[in-house]
Amino acid sequence: MKPSQASTHPRSELLDSVQKGLVLGTAVLALLLPPPGSNYRRPPAEPARIQSEPEYRPARLAEFGQVVPTPDVRHVANWTVYARDHQDKSFIIVDKKDARIYVFDPAGRLQATSPVLLGSAIGDDTVPGIGDKPIAQVLPQERTTPAGRFVAEMGMNMRGEDVVWVDYDAAVSMHRVLTTKPAERRLERLATPSVEDNRISYGCINLPRDFYETVAAPTVRNGGAIIYVLPETRTPQQEFGSYDVQPS
């Protein structure tokens, strides 16, 4: 190979590569840059997003005043007030284990409480078709006060007396305590401190006459109410899907 060829060939390739690179770079810039005289403006940079603090929601709880309820009653009352499960209506809680009723206004303030009489059979479920049975045919094990969430309604029973319907289809209502059978001693049962003797009815919830007429019935008439009958064979969480609410 001649010396002139050895010294000029690599230099020619290098110059050729540089020239090609310049041409290619110029073409790319021509595509990216706007043509002269255009009105092109670079869009303004998007401002940085500021993460706002989550909205503070204080926990609304039921107000019991000087009354000390059972843990289950407090749990359900606090939950329904916080979650507004009672749809901003008055609500009533019946604690079967403690044989007691609690009546709250729409804001969750306890208005009154009283002992009650309940179905004689332990259980939380309604026997299918029980509402169509003559009362004389209702078996002892079928005399349950069903647990659940109910929409209260005023109505009349077969004796022509006004009642608060809890579950119309199952013929379960809240009404004045019955005294037609003196041997049952229903008034005396309401007056004792024990809860064991409060299980005597066929499933209905018996209230003292004064409590029914001045608290329960007027509450339902004036805006309606939601009734929570607490279970005795399940938990409130299982029955209502409720959860604990902690104070703020």
C-alpha atoms as a PDB file:
ATOM      1  CA  MET A   1       0.000   0.000   0.000  1.00  0.00           C
ATOM      2  CA  LYS A   2       1.306   3.465  -0.844  1.00  0.00           C
ATOM      3  CA  PRO A   3       2.077   5.821   2.098  1.00  0.00           C
ATOM      4  CA  SER A   4      -0.340   8.488   0.730  1.00  0.00           C
ATOM      5  CA  GLN A   5      -3.260   6.076   0.854  1.00  0.00           C
ATOM      6  CA  ALA A   6      -2.542   5.021   4.465  1.00  0.00           C
ATOM      7  CA  SER A   7      -2.540   8.617   5.700  1.00  0.00           C
ATOM      8  CA  THR A   8      -5.559  10.050   3.797  1.00  0.00           C
ATOM      9  CA  HIS A   9      -8.193   7.264   3.962  1.00  0.00           C
ATOM     10  CA  PRO A  10      -9.001   7.358   7.726  1.00  0.00           C
ATOM     11  CA  ARG A  11      -9.164  11.164   7.660  1.00  0.00           C
ATOM     12  CA  SER A  12     -11.657  11.071   4.770  1.00  0.00           C
ATOM     13  CA  GLU A  13     -13.936   8.690   6.664  1.00  0.00           C
ATOM     14  CA  LEU A  14     -13.842  10.872   9.786  1.00  0.00           C
ATOM     15  CA  LEU A  15     -14.711  14.042   7.849  1.00  0.00           C
ATOM     16  CA  ASP A  16     -17.496  12.236   6.066  1.00  0.00           C
ATOM     17  CA  SER A  17     -19.024  11.067   9.371  1.00  0.00           C
ATOM     18  CA  VAL A  18     -18.879  14.557  10.887  1.00  0.00           C
ATOM     19  CA  GLN A  19     -20.529  16.086   7.859  1.00  0.00           C
ATOM     20  CA  LYS A  20     -23.328  13.490   7.893  1.00  0.00           C
ATOM     21  CA  GLY A  21     -23.890  14.116  11.623  1.00  0.00           C
ATOM     22  CA  LEU A  22     -24.172  17.850  11.102  1.00  0.00           C
ATOM     23  CA  VAL A  23     -26.661  17.390   8.301  1.00  0.00           C
ATOM     24  CA  LEU A  24     -28.800  14.998  10.392  1.00  0.00           C
ATOM     25  CA  GLY A  25     -28.728  17.284  13.450  1.00  0.00           C
ATOM     26  CA  THR A  26     -29.794  20.258  11.347  1.00  0.00           C
ATOM     27  CA  ALA A  27     -32.744  18.274   9.970  1.00  0.00           C
ATOM     28  CA  VAL A  28     -33.902  17.267  13.456  1.00  0.00           C
ATOM     29  CA  LEU A  29     -33.729  20.846  14.735  1.00  0.00           C
ATOM     30  CA  ALA A  30     -35.734  22.008  11.721  1.00  0.00           C
ATOM     31  CA  LEU A  31     -38.495  19.624  12.699  1.00  0.00           C
ATOM     32  CA  LEU A  32     -38.506  20.629  16.386  1.00  0.00           C
ATOM     33  CA  LEU A  33     -38.215  24.408  16.052  1.00  0.00           C
ATOM     34  CA  PRO A  34     -41.142  26.518  14.782  1.00  0.00           C
ATOM     35  CA  PRO A  35     -40.707  28.251  11.450  1.00  0.00           C
ATOM     36  CA  PRO A  36     -39.500  31.896  11.482  1.00  0.00           C
ATOM     37  CA  GLY A  37     -42.283  34.429  11.983  1.00  0.00           C
ATOM     38  CA  SER A  38     -44.702  31.946  13.531  1.00  0.00           C
ATOM     39  CA  ASN A  39     -46.792  32.811  16.624  1.00  0.00           C
ATOM     40  CA  TYR A  40     -45.672  29.732  18.480  1.00  0.00           C
ATOM     41  CA  ARG A  41     -45.384  30.140  22.249  1.00  0.00           C
ATOM     42  CA  ARG A  42     -44.204  27.553  24.700  1.00  0.00           C
ATOM     43  CA  PRO A  43     -47.125  26.480  26.917  1.00  0.00           C
ATOM     44  CA  PRO A  44     -46.760  27.628  30.518  1.00  0.00           C
ATOM     45  CA  ALA A  45     -45.515  25.053  32.943  1.00  0.00           C
ATOM     46  CA  GLU A  46     -48.289  23.345  34.919  1.00  0.00           C
ATOM     47  CA  PRO A  47     -48.218  24.594  38.504  1.00  0.00           C
ATOM     48  CA  ALA A  48     -47.233  22.051  41.088  1.00  0.00           C
ATOM     49  CA  ARG A  49     -50.208  20.252  42.624  1.00  0.00           C
ATOM     50  CA  ILE A  50     -50.733  21.030  46.285  1.00  0.00           C
ATOM     51  CA  GLN A  51     -52.099  18.137  48.291  1.00  0.00           C
ATOM     52  CA  SER A  52     -54.922  19.484  50.429  1.00  0.00           C
ATOM     53  CA  GLU A  53     -55.543  18.159  53.896  1.00  0.00           C
ATOM     54  CA  PRO A  54     -58.460  15.695  54.136  1.00  0.00           C
ATOM     55  CA  GLU A  55     -61.673  17.259  55.381  1.00  0.00           C
ATOM     56  CA  TYR A  56     -61.977  16.921  59.137  1.00  0.00           C
ATOM     57  CA  ARG A  57     -65.142  15.142  60.166  1.00  0.00           C
ATOM     58  CA  PRO A  58     -65.757  15.133  63.900  1.00  0.00           C
ATOM     59  CA  ALA A  59     -67.350  11.978  65.207  1.00  0.00           C
ATOM     60  CA  ARG A  60     -71.000  12.511  66.105  1.00  0.00           C
ATOM     61  CA  LEU A  61     -72.013  10.310  68.991  1.00  0.00           C
ATOM     62  CA  ALA A  62     -75.257   9.604  70.775  1.00  0.00           C
ATOM     63  CA  GLU A  63     -75.950  11.526  73.972  1.00  0.00           C
ATOM     64  CA  PHE A  64     -77.180   9.503  76.952  1.00  0.00           C
ATOM     65  CA  GLY A  65     -77.047  12.152  79.656  1.00  0.00           C
ATOM     66  CA  GLN A  66     -76.913  10.468  83.056  1.00  0.00           C
ATOM     67  CA  VAL A  67     -78.125   7.113  81.717  1.00  0.00           C
ATOM     68  CA  VAL A  68     -75.542   4.338  81.514  1.00  0.00           C
ATOM     69  CA  PRO A  69     -76.560   1.943  78.701  1.00  0.00           C
ATOM     70  CA  THR A  70     -75.235  -1.515  77.952  1.00  0.00           C
ATOM     71  CA  PRO A  71     -72.211  -1.655  75.603  1.00  0.00           C
ATOM     72  CA  ASP A  72     -74.372  -2.963  72.739  1.00  0.00           C
ATOM     73  CA  VAL A  73     -76.848  -0.092  73.051  1.00  0.00           C
ATOM     74  CA  ARG A  74     -74.070   2.491  73.105  1.00  0.00           C
ATOM     75  CA  HIS A  75     -72.384   0.811  70.134  1.00  0.00           C
ATOM     76  CA  VAL A  76     -75.506   0.846  67.941  1.00  0.00           C
ATOM     77  CA  ALA A  77     -76.564   4.342  69.015  1.00  0.00           C
ATOM     78  CA  ASN A  78     -73.139   5.831  68.279  1.00  0.00           C
ATOM     79  CA  TRP A  79     -72.906   4.019  64.962  1.00  0.00           C
ATOM     80  CA  THR A  80     -76.319   5.060  63.669  1.00  0.00           C
ATOM     81  CA  VAL A  81     -75.755   8.696  64.675  1.00  0.00           C
ATOM     82  CA  TYR A  82     -72.302   8.782  63.051  1.00  0.00           C
ATOM     83  CA  ALA A  83     -73.296   6.867  59.907  1.00  0.00           C
ATOM     84  CA  ARG A  84     -76.768   8.478  59.769  1.00  0.00           C
ATOM     85  CA  ASP A  85     -78.257   5.035  59.293  1.00  0.00           C
ATOM     86  CA  HIS A  86     -81.410   6.360  60.969  1.00  0.00           C
ATOM     87  CA  GLN A  87     -81.836   8.755  58.010  1.00  0.00           C
ATOM     88  CA  ASP A  88     -81.976  11.733  60.381  1.00  0.00           C
ATOM     89  CA  LYS A  89     -85.190  10.443  61.927  1.00  0.00           C
ATOM     90  CA  SER A  90     -85.839   9.644  65.544  1.00  0.00           C
ATOM     91  CA  PHE A  91     -84.716   6.151  66.412  1.00  0.00           C
ATOM     92  CA  ILE A  92     -85.571   3.533  68.983  1.00  0.00           C
ATOM     93  CA  ILE A  93     -83.320   0.802  70.341  1.00  0.00           C
ATOM     94  CA  VAL A  94     -84.774  -2.271  72.036  1.00  0.00           C
ATOM     95  CA  ASP A  95     -82.200  -4.210  74.052  1.00  0.00           C
ATOM     96  CA  LYS A  96     -83.612  -7.706  74.431  1.00  0.00           C
ATOM     97  CA  LYS A  97     -80.837  -8.908  76.718  1.00  0.00           C
ATOM     98  CA  ASP A  98     -81.555  -6.085  79.155  1.00  0.00           C
ATOM     99  CA  ALA A  99     -85.328  -5.913  78.430  1.00  0.00           C
ATOM    100  CA  ARG A 100     -85.179  -2.130  77.947  1.00  0.00           C
ATOM    101  CA  ILE A 101     -86.152   0.434  75.314  1.00  0.00           C
ATOM    102  CA  TYR A 102     -84.333   3.693  74.472  1.00  0.00           C
ATOM    103  CA  VAL A 103     -85.930   6.502  72.418  1.00  0.00           C
ATOM    104  CA  PHE A 104     -83.717   9.120  70.725  1.00  0.00           C
ATOM    105  CA  ASP A 105     -84.475  12.305  68.827  1.00  0.00           C
ATOM    106  CA  PRO A 106     -83.057  12.791  65.281  1.00  0.00           C
ATOM    107  CA  ALA A 107     -79.871  14.358  66.686  1.00  0.00           C
ATOM    108  CA  GLY A 108     -79.151  11.258  68.752  1.00  0.00           C
ATOM    109  CA  ARG A 109     -80.137  12.677  72.143  1.00  0.00           C
ATOM    110  CA  LEU A 110     -81.802  10.186  74.459  1.00  0.00           C
ATOM    111  CA  GLN A 111     -85.363  11.257  75.242  1.00  0.00           C
ATOM    112  CA  ALA A 112     -86.486   8.473  77.548  1.00  0.00           C
ATOM    113  CA  THR A 113     -85.898   4.859  78.514  1.00  0.00           C
ATOM    114  CA  SER A 114     -88.077   2.192  80.061  1.00  0.00           C
ATOM    115  CA  PRO A 115     -88.239  -1.522  80.846  1.00  0.00           C
ATOM    116  CA  VAL A 116     -90.235  -3.641  78.387  1.00  0.00           C
ATOM    117  CA  LEU A 117     -91.770  -7.091  78.116  1.00  0.00           C
ATOM    118  CA  LEU A 118     -90.678  -9.301  75.222  1.00  0.00           C
ATOM    119  CA  GLY A 119     -91.332 -12.605  73.513  1.00  0.00           C
ATOM    120  CA  SER A 120     -90.982 -15.547  75.875  1.00  0.00           C
ATOM    121  CA  ALA A 121     -88.743 -17.547  73.526  1.00  0.00           C
ATOM    122  CA  ILE A 122     -85.051 -16.756  73.105  1.00  0.00           C
ATOM    123  CA  GLY A 123     -84.206 -16.140  69.445  1.00  0.00           C
ATOM    124  CA  ASP A 124     -83.709 -13.490  66.786  1.00  0.00           C
ATOM    125  CA  ASP A 125     -85.567 -14.861  63.775  1.00  0.00           C
ATOM    126  CA  THR A 126     -89.222 -14.832  62.796  1.00  0.00           C
ATOM    127  CA  VAL A 127     -90.886 -18.151  62.120  1.00  0.00           C
ATOM    128  CA  PRO A 128     -92.128 -18.116  58.502  1.00  0.00           C
ATOM    129  CA  GLY A 129     -95.872 -17.490  58.322  1.00  0.00           C
ATOM    130  CA  ILE A 130     -96.167 -16.636  62.016  1.00  0.00           C
ATOM    131  CA  GLY A 131     -98.138 -13.486  61.244  1.00  0.00           C
ATOM    132  CA  ASP A 132    -100.983 -15.497  59.719  1.00  0.00           C
ATOM    133  CA  LYS A 133    -101.312 -17.957  62.594  1.00  0.00           C
ATOM    134  CA  PRO A 134    -104.099 -17.590  65.152  1.00  0.00           C
ATOM    135  CA  ILE A 135    -102.404 -16.627  68.395  1.00  0.00           C
ATOM    136  CA  ALA A 136    -103.655 -19.794  70.104  1.00  0.00           C
ATOM    137  CA  GLN A 137    -101.661 -21.862  67.596  1.00  0.00           C
ATOM    138  CA  VAL A 138     -98.338 -20.107  68.163  1.00  0.00           C
ATOM    139  CA  LEU A 139     -96.019 -22.644  69.777  1.00  0.00           C
ATOM    140  CA  PRO A 140     -93.869 -21.675  72.797  1.00  0.00           C
ATOM    141  CA  GLN A 141     -90.613 -21.895  70.785  1.00  0.00           C
ATOM    142  CA  GLU A 142     -92.113 -19.593  68.141  1.00  0.00           C
ATOM    143  CA  ARG A 143     -92.769 -16.704  70.517  1.00  0.00           C
ATOM    144  CA  THR A 144     -89.675 -14.697  69.621  1.00  0.00           C
ATOM    145  CA  THR A 145     -89.184 -10.961  69.288  1.00  0.00           C
ATOM    146  CA  PRO A 146     -87.251 -10.739  66.016  1.00  0.00           C
ATOM    147  CA  ALA A 147     -84.024  -8.751  65.844  1.00  0.00           C
ATOM    148  CA  GLY A 148     -83.371  -6.296  63.038  1.00  0.00           C
ATOM    149  CA  ARG A 149     -83.780  -2.806  61.661  1.00  0.00           C
ATOM    150  CA  PHE A 150     -87.401  -1.803  61.112  1.00  0.00           C
ATOM    151  CA  VAL A 151     -89.263   1.280  59.905  1.00  0.00           C
ATOM    152  CA  ALA A 152     -91.871   2.110  62.535  1.00  0.00           C
ATOM    153  CA  GLU A 153     -95.474   2.685  61.472  1.00  0.00           C
ATOM    154  CA  MET A 154     -98.579   3.590  63.414  1.00  0.00           C
ATOM    155  CA  GLY A 155    -101.530   1.241  62.961  1.00  0.00           C
ATOM    156  CA  MET A 156    -104.346  -0.675  64.618  1.00  0.00           C
ATOM    157  CA  ASN A 157    -104.388  -4.192  66.014  1.00  0.00           C
ATOM    158  CA  MET A 158    -107.184  -6.739  65.990  1.00  0.00           C
ATOM    159  CA  ARG A 159    -108.574  -5.283  69.240  1.00  0.00           C
ATOM    160  CA  GLY A 160    -108.989  -1.865  67.580  1.00  0.00           C
ATOM    161  CA  GLU A 161    -106.174  -0.292  69.617  1.00  0.00           C
ATOM    162  CA  ASP A 162    -103.469   1.907  68.170  1.00  0.00           C
ATOM    163  CA  VAL A 163    -100.029   0.278  68.066  1.00  0.00           C
ATOM    164  CA  VAL A 164     -96.572   0.945  66.655  1.00  0.00           C
ATOM    165  CA  TRP A 165     -95.888  -1.705  64.039  1.00  0.00           C
ATOM    166  CA  VAL A 166     -92.376  -3.099  64.163  1.00  0.00           C
ATOM    167  CA  ASP A 167     -92.871  -5.905  61.632  1.00  0.00           C
ATOM    168  CA  TYR A 168     -96.395  -5.884  60.235  1.00  0.00           C
ATOM    169  CA  ASP A 169     -96.011  -9.115  58.256  1.00  0.00           C
ATOM    170  CA  ALA A 170     -94.910 -10.971  61.378  1.00  0.00           C
ATOM    171  CA  ALA A 171     -97.607  -9.251  63.504  1.00  0.00           C
ATOM    172  CA  VAL A 172     -94.972  -7.801  65.859  1.00  0.00           C
ATOM    173  CA  SER A 173     -95.782  -4.426  67.373  1.00  0.00           C
ATOM    174  CA  MET A 174     -95.055  -2.158  70.316  1.00  0.00           C
ATOM    175  CA  HIS A 175     -98.138  -1.466  72.401  1.00  0.00           C
ATOM    176  CA  ARG A 176     -99.420  -0.753  75.882  1.00  0.00           C
ATOM    177  CA  VAL A 177     -98.824  -3.572  78.337  1.00  0.00           C
ATOM    178  CA  LEU A 178    -101.662  -6.083  78.320  1.00  0.00           C
ATOM    179  CA  THR A 179    -103.412  -6.799  81.611  1.00  0.00           C
ATOM    180  CA  THR A 180    -106.198  -9.044  80.339  1.00  0.00           C
ATOM    181  CA  LYS A 181    -104.714 -12.110  82.065  1.00  0.00           C
ATOM    182  CA  PRO A 182    -104.038 -11.211  85.710  1.00  0.00           C
ATOM    183  CA  ALA A 183    -102.172 -14.494  86.263  1.00  0.00           C
ATOM    184  CA  GLU A 184     -99.399 -13.279  83.964  1.00  0.00           C
ATOM    185  CA  ARG A 185     -98.653 -10.337  86.297  1.00  0.00           C
ATOM    186  CA  ARG A 186     -97.333  -8.215  83.472  1.00  0.00           C
ATOM    187  CA  LEU A 187     -97.363  -4.957  85.414  1.00  0.00           C
ATOM    188  CA  GLU A 188     -95.469  -6.586  88.250  1.00  0.00           C
ATOM    189  CA  ARG A 189     -92.932  -8.019  85.807  1.00  0.00           C
ATOM    190  CA  LEU A 190     -92.251  -4.542  84.431  1.00  0.00           C
ATOM    191  CA  ALA A 191     -91.710  -3.182  87.935  1.00  0.00           C
ATOM    192  CA  THR A 192     -89.129  -5.723  89.111  1.00  0.00           C
ATOM    193  CA  PRO A 193     -85.397  -5.005  88.687  1.00  0.00           C
ATOM    194  CA  SER A 194     -84.838  -8.474  87.241  1.00  0.00           C
ATOM    195  CA  VAL A 195     -84.859  -9.058  83.468  1.00  0.00           C
ATOM    196  CA  GLU A 196     -85.543 -12.797  83.654  1.00  0.00           C
ATOM    197  CA  ASP A 197     -89.283 -12.278  84.253  1.00  0.00           C
ATOM    198  CA  ASN A 198     -89.664  -9.835  81.344  1.00  0.00           C
ATOM    199  CA  ARG A 199     -90.049 -12.645  78.803  1.00  0.00           C
ATOM    200  CA  ILE A 200     -93.779 -13.303  78.663  1.00  0.00           C
ATOM    201  CA  SER A 201     -95.322 -12.116  75.366  1.00  0.00           C
ATOM    202  CA  TYR A 202     -95.960 -13.900  72.071  1.00  0.00           C
ATOM    203  CA  GLY A 203     -93.355 -11.671  70.437  1.00  0.00           C
ATOM    204  CA  CYS A 204     -94.730  -8.166  70.753  1.00  0.00           C
ATOM    205  CA  ILE A 205     -92.991  -5.467  72.788  1.00  0.00           C
ATOM    206  CA  ASN A 206     -95.116  -4.415  75.759  1.00  0.00           C
ATOM    207  CA  LEU A 207     -94.511  -0.886  77.094  1.00  0.00           C
ATOM    208  CA  PRO A 208     -95.816   0.809  80.224  1.00  0.00           C
ATOM    209  CA  ARG A 209     -98.983   2.679  79.246  1.00  0.00           C
ATOM    210  CA  ASP A 210     -97.622   6.124  80.098  1.00  0.00           C
ATOM    211  CA  PHE A 211     -94.377   5.517  78.185  1.00  0.00           C
ATOM    212  CA  TYR A 212     -96.274   4.314  75.123  1.00  0.00           C
ATOM    213  CA  GLU A 213     -98.705   7.233  75.103  1.00  0.00           C
ATOM    214  CA  THR A 214     -96.287  10.073  75.906  1.00  0.00           C
ATOM    215  CA  VAL A 215     -93.009   8.892  74.318  1.00  0.00           C
ATOM    216  CA  ALA A 216     -93.151   5.981  71.866  1.00  0.00           C
ATOM    217  CA  ALA A 217     -96.338   6.706  69.916  1.00  0.00           C
ATOM    218  CA  PRO A 218     -95.802  10.498  69.625  1.00  0.00           C
ATOM    219  CA  THR A 219     -92.229   9.912  68.430  1.00  0.00           C
ATOM    220  CA  VAL A 220     -93.451   7.723  65.574  1.00  0.00           C
ATOM    221  CA  ARG A 221     -96.350  10.018  64.713  1.00  0.00           C
ATOM    222  CA  ASN A 222     -94.129  13.106  64.560  1.00  0.00           C
ATOM    223  CA  GLY A 223     -91.783  12.335  61.711  1.00  0.00           C
ATOM    224  CA  GLY A 224     -91.465   8.564  61.927  1.00  0.00           C
ATOM    225  CA  ALA A 225     -88.714   6.482  63.514  1.00  0.00           C
ATOM    226  CA  ILE A 226     -86.292   3.664  62.840  1.00  0.00           C
ATOM    227  CA  ILE A 227     -86.399   0.775  65.300  1.00  0.00           C
ATOM    228  CA  TYR A 228     -83.326  -1.321  66.089  1.00  0.00           C
ATOM    229  CA  VAL A 229     -84.134  -4.523  67.950  1.00  0.00           C
ATOM    230  CA  LEU A 230     -80.797  -5.807  69.198  1.00  0.00           C
ATOM    231  CA  PRO A 231     -80.036  -9.504  68.702  1.00  0.00           C
ATOM    232  CA  GLU A 232     -79.436 -11.957  71.520  1.00  0.00           C
ATOM    233  CA  THR A 233     -77.959 -14.870  69.543  1.00  0.00           C
ATOM    234  CA  ARG A 234     -75.792 -12.751  67.209  1.00  0.00           C
ATOM    235  CA  THR A 235     -73.721  -9.597  67.542  1.00  0.00           C
ATOM    236  CA  PRO A 236     -74.935  -6.143  66.505  1.00  0.00           C
ATOM    237  CA  GLN A 237     -72.144  -6.091  63.919  1.00  0.00           C
ATOM    238  CA  GLN A 238     -73.534  -9.243  62.337  1.00  0.00           C
ATOM    239  CA  GLU A 239     -77.108  -7.982  62.488  1.00  0.00           C
ATOM    240  CA  PHE A 240     -76.661  -4.398  61.267  1.00  0.00           C
ATOM    241  CA  GLY A 241     -73.195  -4.208  59.737  1.00  0.00           C
ATOM    242  CA  SER A 242     -72.353  -1.660  62.436  1.00  0.00           C
ATOM    243  CA  TYR A 243     -68.890  -0.624  63.588  1.00  0.00           C
ATOM    244  CA  ASP A 244     -67.290   1.106  66.563  1.00  0.00           C
ATOM    245  CA  VAL A 245     -67.073   4.893  66.499  1.00  0.00           C
ATOM    246  CA  GLN A 246     -64.421   6.524  68.641  1.00  0.00           C
ATOM    247  CA  PRO A 247     -64.934  10.009  70.115  1.00  0.00           C
ATOM    248  CA  SER A 248     -62.936  12.816  68.506  1.00  0.00           C
END
